């Protein structure tokens, strides 16, 4: 390697001079390397999956709580009956159309809300009130 040539330039020059040999080697060994890499990736994925899944669950739970606080106050509560247990709360589309919207966003509603800067048109309802609004168009608690 000459003193004026950088390491990257040297490797590029070497590749150009030995291109046919390099391509032949890649053709002969690519399948073997792909299989070996796939196996090691699977092993790594199996080892790390519990930690990844656990962290992902934590992040989703944190995001859900942030979204509920944004739309339902702190602490969040149902806009109809006042239920405040987080496990019972859901995000509701004020003007309906939640099923169609959920199908179009390809993912989780809380993530979509965060990515779109928490747009208007959503509120927090408990699951009972949300179901009643969706099925009957009104809630027995009196929300119109």
Protein backbone atom coordinates (compact mmCIF):
# COMPACT_ATOMS: atom_id res chain seq x y z
CA UNK A 1 0.00 0.00 0.00
CA UNK A 2 1.41 3.35 -0.99
CA UNK A 3 1.71 6.14 1.57
CA UNK A 4 -0.71 8.45 -0.28
CA UNK A 5 -3.43 5.81 -0.62
CA UNK A 6 -5.99 5.50 2.21
CA UNK A 7 -7.02 2.17 3.62
CA UNK A 8 -10.40 2.32 1.84
CA UNK A 9 -8.75 3.19 -1.47
CA UNK A 10 -6.29 0.30 -1.08
CA UNK A 11 -9.10 -2.19 -0.43
CA UNK A 12 -11.09 -0.87 -3.36
CA UNK A 13 -8.04 -1.20 -5.64
CA UNK A 14 -7.39 -4.74 -4.36
CA UNK A 15 -11.03 -5.67 -5.03
CA UNK A 16 -10.85 -4.34 -8.59
CA UNK A 17 -7.66 -6.31 -9.28
CA UNK A 18 -9.04 -9.56 -7.83
CA UNK A 19 -12.71 -9.12 -8.69
CA UNK A 20 -13.21 -12.42 -10.56
CA UNK A 21 -11.55 -14.46 -7.83
CA UNK A 22 -13.63 -12.70 -5.17
CA UNK A 23 -16.93 -13.19 -7.05
CA UNK A 24 -16.16 -16.87 -7.63
CA UNK A 25 -15.50 -17.33 -3.91
CA UNK A 26 -18.77 -15.53 -3.02
CA UNK A 27 -20.79 -17.66 -5.45
CA UNK A 28 -19.35 -20.90 -4.06
CA UNK A 29 -19.70 -20.00 -0.40
CA UNK A 30 -22.68 -17.68 -0.14
CA UNK A 31 -25.26 -20.39 0.56
CA UNK A 32 -23.06 -22.00 3.21
CA UNK A 33 -22.55 -18.64 4.93
CA UNK A 34 -26.24 -17.74 4.72
CA UNK A 35 -27.22 -20.98 6.42
CA UNK A 36 -24.59 -20.54 9.14
CA UNK A 37 -25.60 -16.92 9.76
CA UNK A 38 -29.30 -17.82 9.84
CA UNK A 39 -28.64 -20.48 12.49
CA UNK A 40 -26.59 -18.14 14.66
CA UNK A 41 -29.20 -15.39 14.28
CA UNK A 42 -31.93 -17.79 15.37
CA UNK A 43 -29.88 -18.85 18.39
CA UNK A 44 -29.28 -15.22 19.34
CA UNK A 45 -32.95 -14.37 18.84
CA UNK A 46 -34.01 -17.30 21.06
CA UNK A 47 -31.63 -16.17 23.79
CA UNK A 48 -32.67 -12.52 23.70
CA UNK A 49 -36.38 -12.88 22.92
CA UNK A 50 -37.60 -12.91 26.53
CA UNK A 51 -35.73 -9.69 27.34
CA UNK A 52 -36.86 -8.01 24.10
CA UNK A 53 -40.48 -8.99 24.66
CA UNK A 54 -40.40 -7.85 28.26
CA UNK A 55 -38.94 -4.45 27.36
CA UNK A 56 -41.40 -4.03 24.47
CA UNK A 57 -44.29 -4.77 26.84
CA UNK A 58 -42.99 -2.18 29.32
CA UNK A 59 -42.66 0.47 26.61
CA UNK A 60 -46.19 -0.18 25.31
CA UNK A 61 -47.60 0.03 28.83
CA UNK A 62 -45.80 3.34 29.46
CA UNK A 63 -47.02 4.76 26.15
CA UNK A 64 -50.60 3.64 26.86
CA UNK A 65 -50.50 5.39 30.24
CA UNK A 66 -49.17 8.60 28.63
CA UNK A 67 -51.95 8.53 26.03
CA UNK A 68 -54.62 7.90 28.68
CA UNK A 69 -53.28 10.80 30.76
CA UNK A 70 -53.23 13.08 27.71
CA UNK A 71 -56.87 12.37 26.77
CA UNK A 72 -58.32 11.57 30.20
CA UNK A 73 -56.54 13.84 32.67
CA UNK A 74 -54.17 12.95 35.46
CA UNK A 75 -55.14 10.47 36.81
CA UNK A 76 -57.07 9.34 33.72
CA UNK A 77 -60.76 8.56 34.09
CA UNK A 78 -63.74 7.62 31.92
CA UNK A 79 -65.44 10.68 30.43
CA UNK A 80 -68.83 9.04 31.02
CA UNK A 81 -68.91 7.18 34.33
CA UNK A 82 -65.67 8.34 35.97
CA UNK A 83 -64.01 4.89 36.20
CA UNK A 84 -60.33 5.47 36.99
CA UNK A 85 -58.74 2.00 37.02
CA UNK A 86 -56.26 2.06 34.14
CA UNK A 87 -56.93 -1.61 33.30
CA UNK A 88 -60.57 -0.75 32.51
CA UNK A 89 -59.91 2.32 30.33
CA UNK A 90 -59.81 2.58 26.53
CA UNK A 91 -59.32 5.25 23.89
CA UNK A 92 -62.55 6.10 22.07
CA UNK A 93 -63.07 7.84 18.72
CA UNK A 94 -65.47 10.68 19.59
CA UNK A 95 -67.26 10.60 16.22
CA UNK A 96 -67.17 6.82 15.79
CA UNK A 97 -65.34 5.00 13.03
CA UNK A 98 -62.85 3.33 15.36
CA UNK A 99 -62.94 -0.07 13.67
CA UNK A 100 -62.27 1.42 10.24
CA UNK A 101 -59.50 3.65 11.63
CA UNK A 102 -57.83 0.76 13.48
CA UNK A 103 -57.79 -1.31 10.29
CA UNK A 104 -56.18 1.53 8.33
CA UNK A 105 -53.32 2.37 10.73
CA UNK A 106 -51.55 -1.02 10.66
CA UNK A 107 -50.47 -1.02 14.27
CA UNK A 108 -51.31 0.16 17.73
CA UNK A 109 -53.57 3.13 18.27
CA UNK A 110 -51.43 4.59 21.08
CA UNK A 111 -48.36 4.57 18.85
CA UNK A 112 -50.34 6.20 16.03
CA UNK A 113 -51.61 8.91 18.40
CA UNK A 114 -48.07 9.65 19.59
CA UNK A 115 -46.69 9.81 16.04
CA UNK A 116 -49.49 12.21 15.01
CA UNK A 117 -48.97 14.55 18.01
CA UNK A 118 -52.12 13.50 19.90
CA UNK A 119 -54.80 14.82 17.53
CA UNK A 120 -58.25 15.90 18.67
CA UNK A 121 -61.27 13.62 18.26
CA UNK A 122 -60.37 11.05 20.91
CA UNK A 123 -61.37 10.59 24.53
CA UNK A 124 -61.00 8.08 27.35
CA UNK A 125 -63.92 5.78 28.13
CA UNK A 126 -64.06 2.61 30.21
CA UNK A 127 -64.53 -0.56 28.19
CA UNK A 128 -68.19 -0.84 29.23
CA UNK A 129 -69.05 2.68 28.09
CA UNK A 130 -67.00 2.27 24.92
CA UNK A 131 -68.80 -0.98 24.02
CA UNK A 132 -72.23 0.52 24.74
CA UNK A 133 -71.43 3.55 22.55
CA UNK A 134 -70.26 1.28 19.74
CA UNK A 135 -73.17 -1.15 19.88
CA UNK A 136 -76.12 1.00 20.95
CA UNK A 137 -74.97 4.50 20.05
CA UNK A 138 -75.46 5.67 23.64
CA UNK A 139 -74.23 4.72 27.11
CA UNK A 140 -76.63 3.76 29.92
CA UNK A 141 -74.65 6.09 32.18
CA UNK A 142 -76.05 9.02 30.21
CA UNK A 143 -73.24 10.15 27.86
CA UNK A 144 -74.68 11.34 24.55
